[in-house]
Amino acid sequence: MLRFVFVMAVAVWLGTVVSFSFVVLPAIHRMSEPGNAARLLRHLFPRYYLACIVCGFIALASVSAARSAGLPIAEALRLALPVAGGLVCSLVSQYVLLPRLRALPSRDDERYLRLHALSSMLNSTVLALLLLAVAGAVMR
């Protein structure tokens, strides 16, 4: 049961990242005026990161519970480390980068471009770590 909870949390998180990054964001930027896209994304990004963070904590809690129920430490680490890394990236994005991006007056500002690039790198890192977590879950 705990493995199922872990897999579901990681699967929902992975699906959220993939759908938001490769379907929702491109569609918004393609179909909306830049100002309208920015206003919409201002509301979506906090919800996106919240979903990621909740899934990360659920996945880690399930590994912790499984460890208490006798899961070997090597397997617990194989499951927990990628999730913990992805969770840290999501927390930094939500609570450090997002407020700094919002505080900048213009998207043309050099600082905005640097922070946006960093945010994209963190999102790509989360995607890679979640793939590792899936691999860890299917390996025995």
N, C-alpha and C. Protein backbone atom coordinates (compact mmCIF):
# COMPACT_ATOMS: atom_id res chain seq x y z
N MET A 1 0.82 -1.19 0.00
CA MET A 1 0.00 0.00 0.00
C MET A 1 0.87 1.26 0.00
N LEU A 2 1.93 1.28 0.80
CA LEU A 2 2.79 2.46 0.86
C LEU A 2 3.52 2.69 -0.46
N ARG A 3 3.91 1.60 -1.12
CA ARG A 3 4.56 1.73 -2.43
C ARG A 3 3.57 2.36 -3.42
N PHE A 4 2.31 1.95 -3.34
CA PHE A 4 1.28 2.51 -4.21
C PHE A 4 1.13 4.01 -3.97
N VAL A 5 1.09 4.42 -2.71
CA VAL A 5 0.98 5.84 -2.37
C VAL A 5 2.18 6.60 -2.93
N PHE A 6 3.37 6.03 -2.76
CA PHE A 6 4.58 6.66 -3.29
C PHE A 6 4.48 6.82 -4.80
N VAL A 7 4.14 5.74 -5.49
CA VAL A 7 4.06 5.77 -6.95
C VAL A 7 3.00 6.77 -7.42
N MET A 8 1.87 6.81 -6.76
CA MET A 8 0.82 7.75 -7.15
C MET A 8 1.25 9.20 -6.94
N ALA A 9 1.90 9.47 -5.83
CA ALA A 9 2.36 10.84 -5.57
C ALA A 9 3.39 11.27 -6.61
N VAL A 10 4.33 10.39 -6.91
CA VAL A 10 5.35 10.71 -7.91
C VAL A 10 4.72 10.82 -9.29
N ALA A 11 3.77 9.93 -9.61
CA ALA A 11 3.12 9.96 -10.92
C ALA A 11 2.31 11.25 -11.12
N VAL A 12 1.58 11.65 -10.10
CA VAL A 12 0.81 12.90 -10.20
C VAL A 12 1.76 14.08 -10.35
N TRP A 13 2.82 14.09 -9.58
CA TRP A 13 3.81 15.16 -9.65
C TRP A 13 4.44 15.20 -11.04
N LEU A 14 4.87 14.05 -11.54
CA LEU A 14 5.49 13.97 -12.87
C LEU A 14 4.49 14.42 -13.94
N GLY A 15 3.26 13.96 -13.84
CA GLY A 15 2.24 14.38 -14.81
C GLY A 15 1.99 15.88 -14.75
N THR A 16 2.01 16.44 -13.57
CA THR A 16 1.83 17.89 -13.41
C THR A 16 2.96 18.64 -14.10
N VAL A 17 4.19 18.22 -13.85
CA VAL A 17 5.35 18.89 -14.45
C VAL A 17 5.31 18.78 -15.97
N VAL A 18 5.07 17.58 -16.48
CA VAL A 18 5.07 17.37 -17.93
C VAL A 18 3.93 18.15 -18.58
N SER A 19 2.73 18.03 -18.06
CA SER A 19 1.60 18.70 -18.70
C SER A 19 1.72 20.22 -18.61
N PHE A 20 2.16 20.73 -17.47
CA PHE A 20 2.29 22.18 -17.33
C PHE A 20 3.40 22.72 -18.22
N SER A 21 4.55 22.03 -18.23
CA SER A 21 5.71 22.53 -18.96
C SER A 21 5.59 22.37 -20.47
N PHE A 22 4.99 21.27 -20.92
CA PHE A 22 5.01 20.96 -22.35
C PHE A 22 3.66 21.12 -23.05
N VAL A 23 2.59 21.33 -22.28
CA VAL A 23 1.27 21.51 -22.89
C VAL A 23 0.68 22.87 -22.51
N VAL A 24 0.51 23.11 -21.21
CA VAL A 24 -0.18 24.31 -20.75
C VAL A 24 0.61 25.59 -21.05
N LEU A 25 1.86 25.66 -20.63
CA LEU A 25 2.63 26.88 -20.84
C LEU A 25 2.78 27.25 -22.31
N PRO A 26 3.18 26.31 -23.18
CA PRO A 26 3.27 26.68 -24.59
C PRO A 26 1.93 27.15 -25.17
N ALA A 27 0.84 26.52 -24.78
CA ALA A 27 -0.48 26.93 -25.28
C ALA A 27 -0.83 28.34 -24.81
N ILE A 28 -0.57 28.62 -23.56
CA ILE A 28 -0.86 29.96 -23.03
C ILE A 28 -0.05 31.01 -23.78
N HIS A 29 1.24 30.76 -23.97
CA HIS A 29 2.08 31.75 -24.65
C HIS A 29 1.72 31.88 -26.13
N ARG A 30 1.26 30.81 -26.74
CA ARG A 30 0.90 30.84 -28.16
C ARG A 30 -0.44 31.53 -28.37
N MET A 31 -1.37 31.37 -27.46
CA MET A 31 -2.75 31.82 -27.69
C MET A 31 -3.08 33.17 -27.01
N SER A 32 -2.21 33.65 -26.14
CA SER A 32 -2.54 34.85 -25.37
C SER A 32 -1.60 36.00 -25.70
N GLU A 33 -2.13 37.19 -25.51
CA GLU A 33 -1.28 38.38 -25.57
C GLU A 33 -0.30 38.31 -24.41
N PRO A 34 0.91 38.86 -24.57
CA PRO A 34 1.91 38.76 -23.48
C PRO A 34 1.41 39.22 -22.11
N GLY A 35 0.70 40.32 -22.05
CA GLY A 35 0.20 40.81 -20.76
C GLY A 35 -0.84 39.87 -20.16
N ASN A 36 -1.71 39.33 -21.00
CA ASN A 36 -2.73 38.39 -20.51
C ASN A 36 -2.09 37.09 -20.05
N ALA A 37 -1.10 36.62 -20.79
CA ALA A 37 -0.39 35.40 -20.39
C ALA A 37 0.27 35.59 -19.04
N ALA A 38 0.92 36.72 -18.85
CA ALA A 38 1.60 36.99 -17.58
C ALA A 38 0.60 37.02 -16.42
N ARG A 39 -0.56 37.64 -16.63
CA ARG A 39 -1.57 37.70 -15.57
C ARG A 39 -2.10 36.30 -15.24
N LEU A 40 -2.34 35.50 -16.25
CA LEU A 40 -2.83 34.14 -16.02
C LEU A 40 -1.77 33.30 -15.29
N LEU A 41 -0.54 33.40 -15.74
CA LEU A 41 0.52 32.60 -15.12
C LEU A 41 0.81 33.05 -13.70
N ARG A 42 0.57 34.30 -13.42
CA ARG A 42 0.75 34.80 -12.05
C ARG A 42 -0.15 34.03 -11.08
N HIS A 43 -1.32 33.59 -11.56
CA HIS A 43 -2.24 32.82 -10.73
C HIS A 43 -1.96 31.32 -10.79
N LEU A 44 -1.43 30.85 -11.91
CA LEU A 44 -1.21 29.41 -12.06
C LEU A 44 0.06 28.90 -11.38
N PHE A 45 1.13 29.68 -11.43
CA PHE A 45 2.39 29.18 -10.88
C PHE A 45 2.33 28.83 -9.41
N PRO A 46 1.72 29.62 -8.54
CA PRO A 46 1.64 29.20 -7.13
C PRO A 46 0.89 27.88 -6.95
N ARG A 47 -0.16 27.67 -7.72
CA ARG A 47 -0.92 26.42 -7.64
C ARG A 47 -0.09 25.25 -8.17
N TYR A 48 0.65 25.50 -9.24
CA TYR A 48 1.53 24.49 -9.82
C TYR A 48 2.56 24.04 -8.78
N TYR A 49 3.24 25.00 -8.19
CA TYR A 49 4.26 24.65 -7.20
C TYR A 49 3.65 24.01 -5.96
N LEU A 50 2.48 24.46 -5.55
CA LEU A 50 1.82 23.85 -4.39
C LEU A 50 1.51 22.38 -4.67
N ALA A 51 1.00 22.07 -5.85
CA ALA A 51 0.73 20.68 -6.21
C ALA A 51 2.02 19.85 -6.16
N CYS A 52 3.10 20.41 -6.69
CA CYS A 52 4.39 19.71 -6.68
C CYS A 52 4.87 19.46 -5.25
N ILE A 53 4.78 20.47 -4.42
CA ILE A 53 5.25 20.37 -3.04
C ILE A 53 4.42 19.36 -2.25
N VAL A 54 3.12 19.39 -2.41
CA VAL A 54 2.24 18.43 -1.70
C VAL A 54 2.58 17.01 -2.13
N CYS A 55 2.73 16.79 -3.43
CA CYS A 55 3.10 15.44 -3.92
C CYS A 55 4.45 15.01 -3.35
N GLY A 56 5.40 15.93 -3.29
CA GLY A 56 6.72 15.60 -2.74
C GLY A 56 6.64 15.18 -1.28
N PHE A 57 5.89 15.91 -0.49
CA PHE A 57 5.77 15.55 0.92
C PHE A 57 5.03 14.23 1.11
N ILE A 58 4.02 13.99 0.30
CA ILE A 58 3.30 12.70 0.40
C ILE A 58 4.23 11.56 0.04
N ALA A 59 5.01 11.72 -1.02
CA ALA A 59 5.95 10.67 -1.42
C ALA A 59 6.99 10.42 -0.33
N LEU A 60 7.53 11.48 0.25
CA LEU A 60 8.52 11.30 1.32
C LEU A 60 7.89 10.67 2.56
N ALA A 61 6.68 11.06 2.89
CA ALA A 61 6.00 10.46 4.05
C ALA A 61 5.76 8.97 3.83
N SER A 62 5.43 8.58 2.61
CA SER A 62 5.21 7.16 2.35
C SER A 62 6.50 6.37 2.45
N VAL A 63 7.62 6.95 2.02
CA VAL A 63 8.91 6.28 2.17
C VAL A 63 9.28 6.16 3.65
N SER A 64 9.03 7.22 4.40
CA SER A 64 9.32 7.19 5.83
C SER A 64 8.48 6.12 6.54
N ALA A 65 7.21 6.04 6.19
CA ALA A 65 6.35 5.02 6.80
C ALA A 65 6.79 3.62 6.38
N ALA A 66 7.18 3.47 5.12
CA ALA A 66 7.65 2.16 4.65
C ALA A 66 8.96 1.78 5.34
N ARG A 67 9.80 2.76 5.58
CA ARG A 67 11.06 2.50 6.30
C ARG A 67 10.76 2.01 7.71
N SER A 68 9.81 2.63 8.37
CA SER A 68 9.40 2.20 9.71
C SER A 68 8.81 0.79 9.70
N ALA A 69 8.22 0.41 8.56
CA ALA A 69 7.63 -0.92 8.43
C ALA A 69 8.63 -1.96 7.94
N GLY A 70 9.91 -1.57 7.85
CA GLY A 70 10.93 -2.54 7.51
C GLY A 70 11.57 -2.41 6.14
N LEU A 71 11.27 -1.37 5.39
CA LEU A 71 11.91 -1.17 4.10
C LEU A 71 13.42 -1.00 4.31
N PRO A 72 14.25 -1.75 3.60
CA PRO A 72 15.70 -1.60 3.76
C PRO A 72 16.16 -0.18 3.47
N ILE A 73 17.19 0.25 4.18
CA ILE A 73 17.68 1.62 4.07
C ILE A 73 18.13 1.95 2.65
N ALA A 74 18.75 1.01 1.96
CA ALA A 74 19.21 1.27 0.60
C ALA A 74 18.03 1.56 -0.33
N GLU A 75 16.96 0.80 -0.18
CA GLU A 75 15.78 1.04 -1.01
C GLU A 75 15.09 2.34 -0.63
N ALA A 76 15.04 2.63 0.66
CA ALA A 76 14.43 3.88 1.11
C ALA A 76 15.19 5.08 0.54
N LEU A 77 16.51 5.00 0.54
CA LEU A 77 17.31 6.10 -0.01
C LEU A 77 17.12 6.21 -1.52
N ARG A 78 17.05 5.09 -2.20
CA ARG A 78 16.85 5.10 -3.65
C ARG A 78 15.54 5.78 -4.01
N LEU A 79 14.54 5.62 -3.16
CA LEU A 79 13.25 6.27 -3.40
C LEU A 79 13.23 7.72 -2.93
N ALA A 80 13.79 7.96 -1.76
CA ALA A 80 13.65 9.27 -1.12
C ALA A 80 14.58 10.35 -1.68
N LEU A 81 15.79 9.99 -2.07
CA LEU A 81 16.73 11.03 -2.48
C LEU A 81 16.29 11.82 -3.71
N PRO A 82 15.83 11.16 -4.78
CA PRO A 82 15.36 11.97 -5.91
C PRO A 82 14.15 12.82 -5.56
N VAL A 83 13.26 12.28 -4.74
CA VAL A 83 12.08 13.04 -4.34
C VAL A 83 12.48 14.24 -3.49
N ALA A 84 13.40 14.03 -2.56
CA ALA A 84 13.86 15.13 -1.72
C ALA A 84 14.51 16.23 -2.55
N GLY A 85 15.31 15.83 -3.53
CA GLY A 85 15.93 16.81 -4.42
C GLY A 85 14.89 17.59 -5.20
N GLY A 86 13.90 16.90 -5.74
CA GLY A 86 12.84 17.57 -6.48
C GLY A 86 12.02 18.49 -5.59
N LEU A 87 11.81 18.06 -4.36
CA LEU A 87 11.07 18.88 -3.40
C LEU A 87 11.84 20.16 -3.08
N VAL A 88 13.13 20.05 -2.88
CA VAL A 88 13.95 21.24 -2.61
C VAL A 88 13.88 22.20 -3.80
N CYS A 89 13.99 21.67 -5.01
CA CYS A 89 13.90 22.53 -6.20
C CYS A 89 12.55 23.23 -6.27
N SER A 90 11.48 22.51 -5.98
CA SER A 90 10.14 23.11 -6.02
C SER A 90 9.96 24.16 -4.92
N LEU A 91 10.48 23.89 -3.74
CA LEU A 91 10.39 24.85 -2.64
C LEU A 91 11.16 26.13 -2.96
N VAL A 92 12.35 25.98 -3.52
CA VAL A 92 13.15 27.16 -3.90
C VAL A 92 12.42 27.95 -4.97
N SER A 93 11.86 27.25 -5.94
CA SER A 93 11.13 27.94 -7.01
C SER A 93 9.94 28.71 -6.46
N GLN A 94 9.18 28.08 -5.56
CA GLN A 94 7.97 28.71 -5.02
C GLN A 94 8.28 29.87 -4.07
N TYR A 95 9.21 29.64 -3.15
CA TYR A 95 9.40 30.59 -2.06
C TYR A 95 10.59 31.53 -2.23
N VAL A 96 11.46 31.29 -3.21
CA VAL A 96 12.59 32.18 -3.43
C VAL A 96 12.48 32.84 -4.80
N LEU A 97 12.41 32.04 -5.85
CA LEU A 97 12.44 32.61 -7.20
C LEU A 97 11.14 33.33 -7.58
N LEU A 98 10.00 32.70 -7.33
CA LEU A 98 8.73 33.30 -7.73
C LEU A 98 8.52 34.69 -7.12
N PRO A 99 8.75 34.88 -5.83
CA PRO A 99 8.59 36.24 -5.29
C PRO A 99 9.58 37.24 -5.91
N ARG A 100 10.80 36.80 -6.19
CA ARG A 100 11.77 37.70 -6.81
C ARG A 100 11.38 38.05 -8.24
N LEU A 101 10.87 37.07 -8.98
CA LEU A 101 10.41 37.34 -10.34
C LEU A 101 9.24 38.33 -10.33
N ARG A 102 8.33 38.14 -9.40
CA ARG A 102 7.16 39.03 -9.32
C ARG A 102 7.53 40.45 -8.92
N ALA A 103 8.60 40.60 -8.18
CA ALA A 103 9.00 41.92 -7.69
C ALA A 103 9.66 42.77 -8.77
N LEU A 104 10.11 42.14 -9.84
CA LEU A 104 10.79 42.90 -10.89
C LEU A 104 9.77 43.61 -11.78
N PRO A 105 10.09 44.83 -12.17
CA PRO A 105 9.11 45.63 -12.90
C PRO A 105 8.89 45.19 -14.35
N SER A 106 9.87 44.55 -14.95
CA SER A 106 9.76 44.25 -16.37
C SER A 106 10.32 42.87 -16.69
N ARG A 107 9.69 42.21 -17.65
CA ARG A 107 10.20 40.93 -18.11
C ARG A 107 11.44 41.11 -18.97
N ASP A 108 11.72 42.35 -19.39
CA ASP A 108 12.92 42.64 -20.19
C ASP A 108 14.14 42.90 -19.31
N ASP A 109 13.92 42.99 -18.02
CA ASP A 109 15.01 43.22 -17.07
C ASP A 109 15.97 42.04 -17.09
N GLU A 110 17.26 42.33 -17.10
CA GLU A 110 18.29 41.29 -17.12
C GLU A 110 18.16 40.35 -15.93
N ARG A 111 17.79 40.88 -14.77
CA ARG A 111 17.61 40.03 -13.58
C ARG A 111 16.45 39.06 -13.78
N TYR A 112 15.39 39.52 -14.41
CA TYR A 112 14.25 38.64 -14.69
C TYR A 112 14.69 37.48 -15.59
N LEU A 113 15.44 37.80 -16.62
CA LEU A 113 15.89 36.75 -17.55
C LEU A 113 16.77 35.73 -16.85
N ARG A 114 17.66 36.18 -15.96
CA ARG A 114 18.51 35.25 -15.20
C ARG A 114 17.68 34.37 -14.27
N LEU A 115 16.75 34.99 -13.53
CA LEU A 115 15.91 34.22 -12.61
C LEU A 115 15.00 33.25 -13.36
N HIS A 116 14.49 33.67 -14.49
CA HIS A 116 13.64 32.79 -15.30
C HIS A 116 14.45 31.60 -15.81
N ALA A 117 15.67 31.85 -16.24
CA ALA A 117 16.54 30.75 -16.70
C ALA A 117 16.81 29.79 -15.54
N LEU A 118 17.06 30.31 -14.36
CA LEU A 118 17.30 29.46 -13.20
C LEU A 118 16.05 28.65 -12.86
N SER A 119 14.89 29.29 -12.94
CA SER A 119 13.64 28.60 -12.68
C SER A 119 13.43 27.46 -13.68
N SER A 120 13.73 27.70 -14.93
CA SER A 120 13.61 26.65 -15.95
C SER A 120 14.57 25.50 -15.69
N MET A 121 15.78 25.83 -15.25
CA MET A 121 16.75 24.78 -14.92
C MET A 121 16.27 23.94 -13.74
N LEU A 122 15.72 24.59 -12.73
CA LEU A 122 15.21 23.85 -11.58
C LEU A 122 14.05 22.95 -11.99
N ASN A 123 13.18 23.44 -12.87
CA ASN A 123 12.06 22.63 -13.34
C ASN A 123 12.56 21.42 -14.12
N SER A 124 13.59 21.61 -14.94
CA SER A 124 14.18 20.48 -15.68
C SER A 124 14.82 19.48 -14.73
N THR A 125 15.42 20.00 -13.68
CA THR A 125 16.03 19.13 -12.67
C THR A 125 14.96 18.30 -11.97
N VAL A 126 13.84 18.93 -11.64
CA VAL A 126 12.73 18.21 -11.01
C VAL A 126 12.27 17.09 -11.94
N LEU A 127 12.12 17.38 -13.21
CA LEU A 127 11.69 16.37 -14.17
C LEU A 127 12.65 15.18 -14.19
N ALA A 128 13.96 15.46 -14.24
CA ALA A 128 14.95 14.38 -14.25
C ALA A 128 14.91 13.58 -12.95
N LEU A 129 14.80 14.26 -11.82
CA LEU A 129 14.76 13.57 -10.54
C LEU A 129 13.51 12.70 -10.40
N LEU A 130 12.39 13.17 -10.92
CA LEU A 130 11.17 12.37 -10.85
C LEU A 130 11.29 11.12 -11.72
N LEU A 131 11.97 11.23 -12.85
CA LEU A 131 12.21 10.04 -13.65
C LEU A 131 13.08 9.05 -12.90
N LEU A 132 14.06 9.56 -12.15
CA LEU A 132 14.86 8.67 -11.29
C LEU A 132 14.01 8.02 -10.21
N ALA A 133 13.11 8.79 -9.64
CA ALA A 133 12.23 8.25 -8.60
C ALA A 133 11.34 7.13 -9.17
N VAL A 134 10.84 7.33 -10.38
CA VAL A 134 10.04 6.29 -11.02
C VAL A 134 10.90 5.05 -11.24
N ALA A 135 12.11 5.24 -11.74
CA ALA A 135 13.02 4.12 -11.95
C ALA A 135 13.30 3.41 -10.63
N GLY A 136 13.51 4.17 -9.57
CA GLY A 136 13.75 3.57 -8.26
C GLY A 136 12.57 2.78 -7.75
N ALA A 137 11.37 3.23 -8.10
CA ALA A 137 10.16 2.54 -7.64
C ALA A 137 9.93 1.23 -8.38
N VAL A 138 10.35 1.15 -9.63
CA VAL A 138 10.10 -0.08 -10.39
C VAL A 138 11.24 -1.09 -10.26
N MET A 139 12.37 -0.65 -9.73
CA MET A 139 13.51 -1.58 -9.53
C MET A 139 13.39 -2.23 -8.17
N ARG A 140 13.88 -3.42 -8.08
CA ARG A 140 13.87 -4.13 -6.78
C ARG A 140 15.26 -4.55 -6.46
